[in-house]
Protein backbone atom coordinates (compact mmCIF):
# COMPACT_ATOMS: atom_id res chain seq x y z
CA UNK A 1 -8.71 6.85 -14.47
CA UNK A 2 -11.89 5.42 -16.22
CA UNK A 3 -14.24 3.91 -13.89
CA UNK A 4 -16.52 0.54 -14.71
CA UNK A 5 -19.52 -0.72 -12.92
CA UNK A 6 -17.94 -2.24 -9.75
CA UNK A 7 -17.47 -5.82 -9.98
CA UNK A 8 -15.97 -8.43 -7.17
CA UNK A 9 -13.36 -9.22 -9.98
CA UNK A 10 -10.05 -8.09 -9.10
CA UNK A 11 -9.15 -7.97 -12.60
CA UNK A 12 -11.82 -5.41 -13.87
CA UNK A 13 -10.99 -3.26 -10.56
CA UNK A 14 -7.53 -3.52 -11.79
CA UNK A 15 -8.30 -2.54 -15.54
CA UNK A 16 -10.39 0.31 -14.19
CA UNK A 17 -7.51 1.94 -12.59
CA UNK A 18 -5.24 1.86 -15.49
CA UNK A 19 -7.19 4.23 -17.86
CA UNK A 20 -5.61 7.37 -16.86
CA UNK A 21 -4.73 11.20 -17.53
CA UNK A 22 -2.36 10.01 -14.67
CA UNK A 23 -4.21 11.39 -12.03
CA UNK A 24 -2.49 9.38 -12.49
CA UNK A 25 -5.43 11.76 -14.51
CA UNK A 26 -1.94 10.00 -12.88
CA UNK A 27 -5.05 9.84 -12.64
CA UNK A 28 -4.71 10.23 -13.22
CA UNK A 29 -4.11 8.89 -13.99
CA UNK A 30 -4.31 8.58 -12.49
CA UNK A 31 -4.95 5.52 -10.69
CA UNK A 32 -4.90 7.81 -10.80
CA UNK A 33 -2.79 10.53 -10.14
CA UNK A 34 -3.95 13.10 -12.32
CA UNK A 35 -1.12 15.26 -13.63
CA UNK A 36 -2.27 17.44 -16.46
CA UNK A 37 -2.55 21.04 -16.21
CA UNK A 38 -3.70 23.91 -18.65
CA UNK A 39 -1.31 25.33 -20.52
CA UNK A 40 -2.95 28.88 -20.60
CA UNK A 41 -5.45 29.84 -17.53
CA UNK A 42 -8.64 30.98 -18.64
CA UNK A 43 -11.63 32.52 -16.46
CA UNK A 44 -15.04 31.80 -16.99
CA UNK A 45 -16.97 35.19 -16.81
CA UNK A 46 -20.65 35.28 -15.87
CA UNK A 47 -22.98 36.14 -18.83
CA UNK A 48 -19.86 36.10 -21.07
CA UNK A 49 -18.94 39.60 -20.08
CA UNK A 50 -15.38 40.65 -20.92
CA UNK A 51 -12.63 40.03 -18.40
CA UNK A 52 -9.66 42.28 -17.86
CA UNK A 53 -7.78 38.76 -17.13
CA UNK A 54 -8.62 37.63 -20.85
CA UNK A 55 -7.02 40.48 -22.32
CA UNK A 56 -3.87 40.00 -20.22
CA UNK A 57 -4.27 36.20 -21.35
CA UNK A 58 -4.56 36.76 -24.89
CA UNK A 59 -1.33 39.14 -24.83
CA UNK A 60 0.74 36.48 -22.75
CA UNK A 61 -0.64 33.44 -25.14
CA UNK A 62 0.79 35.22 -28.52
CA UNK A 63 4.54 35.92 -26.75
CA UNK A 64 4.72 32.66 -25.28
CA UNK A 65 2.85 29.95 -27.38
CA UNK A 66 5.90 29.18 -29.56
CA UNK A 67 7.96 28.48 -26.67
CA UNK A 68 5.43 26.80 -24.25
CA UNK A 69 3.71 24.63 -27.23
CA UNK A 70 6.60 22.14 -26.70
CA UNK A 71 6.40 22.23 -23.05
CA UNK A 72 2.53 21.69 -23.05
CA UNK A 73 2.71 18.44 -25.48
CA UNK A 74 5.49 17.01 -23.55
CA UNK A 75 3.92 17.21 -20.22
CA UNK A 76 0.32 16.32 -21.32
CA UNK A 77 1.77 12.85 -23.14
CA UNK A 78 3.80 11.99 -20.05
CA UNK A 79 7.13 12.91 -21.21
CA UNK A 80 7.89 14.90 -17.76
CA UNK A 81 11.70 15.07 -18.28
CA UNK A 82 11.38 16.39 -21.33
CA UNK A 83 8.91 19.06 -20.31
CA UNK A 84 11.35 20.12 -17.54
CA UNK A 85 14.24 20.44 -20.09
CA UNK A 86 12.26 22.33 -22.29
CA UNK A 87 10.92 24.79 -19.65
CA UNK A 88 14.87 25.31 -18.44
CA UNK A 89 15.45 26.71 -22.08
CA UNK A 90 12.87 29.47 -21.49
CA UNK A 91 14.77 32.06 -20.16
CA UNK A 92 11.92 34.66 -20.02
CA UNK A 93 10.12 34.27 -16.57
CA UNK A 94 6.59 32.65 -17.13
CA UNK A 95 4.37 31.72 -14.75
CA UNK A 96 2.82 29.11 -17.02
CA UNK A 97 6.33 27.69 -17.73
CA UNK A 98 6.50 27.14 -13.80
CA UNK A 99 3.36 25.72 -13.59
CA UNK A 100 4.60 23.13 -16.07
CA UNK A 101 8.00 22.71 -14.57
CA UNK A 102 6.56 22.20 -10.93
CA UNK A 103 3.73 19.83 -12.17
CA UNK A 104 6.21 17.43 -14.11
CA UNK A 105 8.22 17.25 -10.61
CA UNK A 106 5.17 16.24 -9.08
CA UNK A 107 4.23 13.76 -11.53
CA UNK A 108 8.08 12.30 -11.08
CA UNK A 109 7.23 12.13 -7.14
CA UNK A 110 10.07 14.73 -6.72
CA UNK A 111 8.00 16.69 -4.15
CA UNK A 112 10.98 17.87 -2.37
CA UNK A 113 11.89 20.09 -5.18
CA UNK A 114 8.50 21.71 -5.13
CA UNK A 115 8.17 21.92 -1.32
CA UNK A 116 11.58 23.59 -1.04
CA UNK A 117 11.36 26.50 -3.92
CA UNK A 118 7.57 26.94 -3.25
CA UNK A 119 7.66 28.40 0.07
CA UNK A 120 4.46 28.16 2.28
CA UNK A 121 4.37 32.42 2.38
CA UNK A 122 4.18 32.39 -1.60
CA UNK A 123 1.55 34.74 -2.89
CA UNK A 124 1.36 33.59 -6.61
CA UNK A 125 -0.92 30.65 -7.81
CA UNK A 126 2.16 28.24 -7.49
CA UNK A 127 0.94 28.10 -3.61
CA UNK A 128 -1.82 25.94 -5.01
CA UNK A 129 0.90 23.60 -6.42
CA UNK A 130 2.82 23.33 -2.96
CA UNK A 131 -0.33 22.26 -1.57
CA UNK A 132 -0.57 19.62 -4.10
CA UNK A 133 2.89 18.29 -3.23
CA UNK A 134 1.95 18.54 0.21
CA UNK A 135 -0.90 16.16 -0.22
CA UNK A 136 0.85 13.66 -2.43
CA UNK A 137 3.70 13.02 -0.02
CA UNK A 138 2.50 13.42 3.27
CA UNK A 139 -0.75 11.35 4.05
CA UNK A 140 -1.26 13.20 7.63
CA UNK A 141 -1.89 16.30 5.62
CA UNK A 142 -4.46 15.19 3.44
CA UNK A 143 -7.17 16.17 5.40
CA UNK A 144 -5.89 19.54 6.24
CA UNK A 145 -5.38 20.15 2.35
CA UNK A 146 -8.73 19.31 1.64
CA UNK A 147 -10.07 21.59 4.06
CA UNK A 148 -7.66 24.51 2.84
CA UNK A 149 -9.43 24.15 -0.59
CA UNK A 150 -12.93 23.66 0.53
CA UNK A 151 -12.45 27.15 2.22
CA UNK A 152 -10.79 28.62 -0.90
CA UNK A 153 -13.93 27.61 -2.99
CA UNK A 154 -16.09 29.45 -0.60
CA UNK A 155 -14.70 32.67 -2.39
CA UNK A 156 -15.84 33.84 -5.71
CA UNK A 157 -14.40 31.07 -7.79
CA UNK A 158 -14.44 33.25 -11.04
CA UNK A 159 -11.60 35.30 -9.61
CA UNK A 160 -9.21 32.38 -8.90
CA UNK A 161 -6.51 31.41 -11.21
CA UNK A 162 -7.18 28.07 -13.29
CA UNK A 163 -4.49 26.45 -11.54
CA UNK A 164 -6.34 26.56 -8.07
CA UNK A 165 -9.28 25.09 -9.79
CA UNK A 166 -7.49 22.23 -11.58
CA UNK A 167 -5.31 21.36 -8.22
CA UNK A 168 -8.56 21.40 -6.31
CA UNK A 169 -10.24 19.20 -8.62
CA UNK A 170 -7.41 16.74 -8.78
CA UNK A 171 -7.57 16.57 -5.15
CA UNK A 172 -11.44 15.72 -4.99
CA UNK A 173 -10.93 13.34 -7.68
CA UNK A 174 -8.05 11.61 -5.32
CA UNK A 175 -10.85 11.55 -2.52
CA UNK A 176 -13.25 10.10 -4.83
CA UNK A 177 -15.58 13.35 -4.58
CA UNK A 178 -16.38 13.59 -7.99
CA UNK A 179 -19.43 15.36 -7.48
CA UNK A 180 -17.52 17.94 -5.22
CA UNK A 181 -14.97 18.38 -8.27
CA UNK A 182 -17.52 18.72 -10.99
CA UNK A 183 -19.09 21.58 -9.04
CA UNK A 184 -15.69 23.43 -9.02
CA UNK A 185 -14.99 22.55 -12.65
CA UNK A 186 -18.66 23.61 -14.17
CA UNK A 187 -18.68 26.56 -16.43
CA UNK A 188 -14.91 26.90 -16.94
CA UNK A 189 -14.67 26.49 -20.67
CA UNK A 190 -10.20 25.75 -20.27
CA UNK A 191 -9.51 22.48 -22.16
CA UNK A 192 -8.04 21.09 -18.90
CA UNK A 193 -11.22 21.74 -17.08
CA UNK A 194 -13.27 20.04 -19.54
CA UNK A 195 -11.04 17.09 -19.58
CA UNK A 196 -11.08 16.77 -15.61
CA UNK A 197 -15.04 17.12 -15.96
CA UNK A 198 -15.05 14.14 -18.30
CA UNK A 199 -12.81 12.52 -15.94
CA UNK A 200 -15.40 12.74 -13.14
CA UNK A 201 -18.00 11.50 -15.51
CA UNK A 202 -16.27 8.45 -16.30
CA UNK A 203 -15.60 7.76 -13.02
CA UNK A 204 -19.30 7.77 -12.44
CA UNK A 205 -20.03 5.81 -15.56
CA UNK A 206 -21.82 8.44 -16.93
CA UNK A 207 -20.72 8.03 -20.62
CA UNK A 208 -23.67 9.77 -22.12
CA UNK A 209 -22.76 13.09 -20.22
CA UNK A 210 -18.84 12.46 -21.15
CA UNK A 211 -19.79 12.46 -24.86
CA UNK A 212 -20.96 15.84 -24.63
CA UNK A 213 -17.83 17.23 -22.78
CA UNK A 214 -15.88 15.66 -25.60
CA UNK A 215 -17.79 17.53 -28.19
CA UNK A 216 -17.13 20.55 -26.26
CA UNK A 217 -13.64 19.94 -26.47
CA UNK A 218 -13.68 19.07 -30.23
CA UNK A 219 -15.39 22.35 -30.80
CA UNK A 220 -12.78 24.36 -28.80
CA UNK A 221 -9.70 22.65 -30.22
CA UNK A 222 -9.84 19.40 -31.86
CA UNK A 223 -6.27 19.07 -32.89
CA UNK A 224 -5.43 19.67 -29.33
CA UNK A 225 -3.12 16.97 -27.66
CA UNK A 226 -5.44 16.87 -24.45
CA UNK A 227 -8.71 16.53 -26.75
CA UNK A 228 -7.30 13.77 -28.55
CA UNK A 229 -6.29 11.99 -25.35
CA UNK A 230 -9.55 12.74 -23.88
CA UNK A 231 -11.19 11.26 -26.77
CA UNK A 232 -9.06 7.91 -26.49
CA UNK A 233 -10.05 7.49 -22.55
CA UNK A 234 -13.73 8.00 -23.86
CA UNK A 235 -13.29 5.37 -26.74
CA UNK A 236 -11.78 2.87 -24.02
CA UNK A 237 -14.62 3.32 -21.72
CA UNK A 238 -17.35 2.93 -24.72
CA UNK A 239 -15.41 -0.14 -25.73
CA UNK A 240 -16.17 -2.43 -28.74
CA UNK A 241 -14.83 -1.06 -32.04
CA UNK A 242 -14.08 2.30 -30.20
CA UNK A 243 -11.31 0.55 -28.67
CA UNK A 244 -9.43 0.40 -32.31
CA UNK A 245 -10.00 4.15 -32.35
CA UNK A 246 -8.52 4.78 -29.14
CA UNK A 247 -5.51 2.70 -30.15
CA UNK A 248 -4.81 4.78 -33.35
CA UNK A 249 -5.12 7.93 -31.28
CA UNK A 250 -2.68 6.78 -29.06
CA UNK A 251 -0.13 5.51 -32.11
CA UNK A 252 -0.59 8.82 -34.05
CA UNK A 253 0.68 10.81 -30.75
CA UNK A 254 4.05 8.16 -30.52
CA UNK A 255 4.60 8.92 -34.14
CA UNK A 256 4.01 12.65 -33.59
CA UNK A 257 5.89 13.12 -30.25
CA UNK A 258 7.54 10.00 -28.82
CA UNK A 259 6.36 6.76 -27.25
CA UNK A 260 5.93 7.37 -23.20
CA UNK A 261 4.64 5.25 -20.48
CA UNK A 262 1.51 6.94 -20.71
CA UNK A 263 0.82 6.36 -24.42
CA UNK A 264 2.04 2.79 -24.55
CA UNK A 265 0.06 2.06 -21.39
CA UNK A 266 -3.27 3.45 -23.24
CA UNK A 267 -2.16 1.28 -26.12
CA UNK A 268 -2.02 -1.95 -24.00
CA UNK A 269 -5.25 -1.33 -22.34
CA UNK A 270 -6.98 -1.65 -25.82
CA UNK A 271 -5.12 -4.57 -26.78
CA UNK A 272 -6.35 -6.13 -23.49
CA UNK A 273 -10.17 -4.73 -24.40
CA UNK A 274 -9.81 -6.67 -27.59
CA UNK A 275 -8.54 -9.80 -25.87
CA UNK A 276 -5.20 -9.32 -28.06
CA UNK A 277 -3.15 -10.56 -24.98
CA UNK A 278 0.46 -11.42 -26.68
CA UNK A 279 0.24 -7.94 -28.42
CA UNK A 280 -0.60 -6.33 -24.99
CA UNK A 281 2.00 -8.23 -23.19
CA UNK A 282 4.79 -7.28 -25.67
CA UNK A 283 3.63 -3.64 -25.35
CA UNK A 284 3.95 -3.82 -21.33
CA UNK A 285 7.20 -5.58 -21.39
CA UNK A 286 8.63 -2.52 -23.16
CA UNK A 287 6.95 -0.11 -20.72
CA UNK A 288 8.69 -2.68 -17.75
CA UNK A 289 12.19 -1.90 -19.77
CA UNK A 290 11.58 1.65 -19.51
CA UNK A 291 10.67 1.79 -15.64
CA UNK A 292 10.29 -1.58 -13.90
CA UNK A 293 8.23 0.13 -10.96
CA UNK A 294 5.57 2.05 -13.01
CA UNK A 295 2.16 1.88 -11.26
CA UNK A 296 0.25 1.61 -14.56
CA UNK A 297 2.10 -0.66 -16.02
CA UNK A 298 2.06 -3.11 -13.24
CA UNK A 299 -1.47 -2.91 -12.91
CA UNK A 300 -2.13 -3.76 -16.33
CA UNK A 301 0.25 -6.56 -16.02
CA UNK A 302 -1.58 -7.68 -12.97
CA UNK A 303 -4.47 -7.54 -15.28
CA UNK A 304 -3.11 -9.18 -18.13
CA UNK A 305 -1.87 -12.14 -16.13
CA UNK A 306 -4.80 -12.91 -14.69
CA UNK A 307 -6.49 -13.07 -18.44
CA UNK A 308 -3.81 -15.16 -19.97
CA UNK A 309 -3.42 -17.89 -17.05
CA UNK A 310 -5.81 -17.86 -14.10
CA UNK A 311 -3.35 -19.80 -12.04
CA UNK A 312 -0.08 -17.70 -12.96
CA UNK A 313 2.44 -17.34 -10.46
CA UNK A 314 2.93 -14.05 -12.04
CA UNK A 315 -0.11 -12.35 -10.89
CA UNK A 316 0.99 -12.80 -7.12
CA UNK A 317 4.40 -11.23 -8.10
CA UNK A 318 2.79 -8.26 -9.74
CA UNK A 319 0.69 -7.93 -6.77
CA UNK A 320 3.38 -8.50 -4.04
CA UNK A 321 5.44 -5.63 -6.28
CA UNK A 322 2.45 -3.24 -6.15
CA UNK A 323 1.94 -3.78 -2.41
CA UNK A 324 5.48 -3.28 -1.64
CA UNK A 325 6.44 -0.28 -4.10
CA UNK A 326 2.93 1.72 -4.14
CA UNK A 327 1.76 1.42 -0.48
CA UNK A 328 -0.39 4.73 -0.98
CA UNK A 329 -1.98 3.98 -3.88
CA UNK A 330 -5.72 3.47 -4.30
CA UNK A 331 -5.54 -0.09 -5.38
CA UNK A 332 -3.50 -1.00 -2.54
CA UNK A 333 -5.94 0.87 -0.09
CA UNK A 334 -8.48 -1.04 -1.60
CA UNK A 335 -6.97 -4.58 -1.35
CA UNK A 336 -6.04 -3.85 2.74
CA UNK A 337 -9.54 -2.75 3.45
CA UNK A 338 -10.80 -6.05 1.39
CA UNK A 339 -8.33 -8.33 3.27
CA UNK A 340 -9.20 -6.69 6.59
CA UNK A 341 -12.81 -7.45 5.96
CA UNK A 342 -11.82 -10.94 5.00
CA UNK A 343 -9.90 -11.29 8.33
CA UNK A 344 -12.69 -10.24 10.22
CA UNK A 345 -15.31 -12.61 8.81
CA UNK A 346 -13.07 -15.59 9.27
CA UNK A 347 -12.53 -14.68 12.79
CA UNK A 348 -16.56 -14.22 13.35
CA UNK A 349 -17.61 -17.27 11.53
CA UNK A 350 -14.50 -19.50 11.34
CA UNK A 351 -13.47 -21.84 14.14
CA UNK A 352 -12.63 -20.16 17.06
CA UNK A 353 -9.06 -18.90 17.47
CA UNK A 354 -7.31 -16.04 18.03
CA UNK A 355 -4.83 -16.36 14.69
CA UNK A 356 -5.10 -13.93 11.79
CA UNK A 357 -5.49 -15.22 8.62
CA UNK A 358 -1.99 -14.79 7.66
CA UNK A 359 -0.86 -17.10 10.59
CA UNK A 360 -3.49 -19.59 9.68
CA UNK A 361 -2.46 -19.51 5.87
CA UNK A 362 1.24 -19.46 7.19
């Protein structure tokens, strides 16, 4: 999710939630639920001293990179079912394969699969994914899960598997505590950590610092899918002529792999920023055909409908669908908060009555 300067215009707020790793950086987002994970964990060692983990990592990477590259790319572009299918083709036990597989289930909101297969007594880094599934699926557990990661990061963070760092940063981003997330990520030069670091900076409107992170990612691996995606999100935030550069990145990834909702929504956002509303609508209609309930698609259609026709009834329909199907989203939380504040002001300054605003409107 790329954050612009806050305004009172709902379309601006909506647009700011649609630029996502799908955190989901999902955003995402991703919106954002952020669902990306590094293919190969790396550890940051003080004073650049050699770590035994790094030696093991290089050996594992040489053996698994050819099999995991398809898994990695499918995951990063949001092709989660293909990622799961590719993981199932790999017969050799692999922690990195399992990370991608369970991450994909979480991205598909299939939390029960993760919770059933990763027990609370699990003593591997996969336990972090169980906590993420709990956090995403059970609002009553959010505070407790945050506390678990707060305590975890009191330890020597350099000795933790990178999955703990990534999941912790994702949760802090969902809590909108971006400075805390960056404290966890700082010093780790894994591409995924760098991408999340950029996400935090963009949410804080620090494009200047985000550009520095982008440069670091390019120096590390300019051709990596995650580097390309991160550059596209940065270009969207910069705007202007950079929107076309972002569009070409999304198009190149569509041509190289396959069009996904994440890539198509990225293109639609570029079109909206360029005021090419008819082109944006065409792309978003294709997204609707693929998944009529996709959160990013509905948000972008909501913003687009307000730009094309200020009085369009479609705006109300898309908003109603989001309120109904995505009750736990950040947009719905913000909407409900503003509605409650409006109700309070009406009751405080309006004519004396005991009716709510909904009853008055009805």
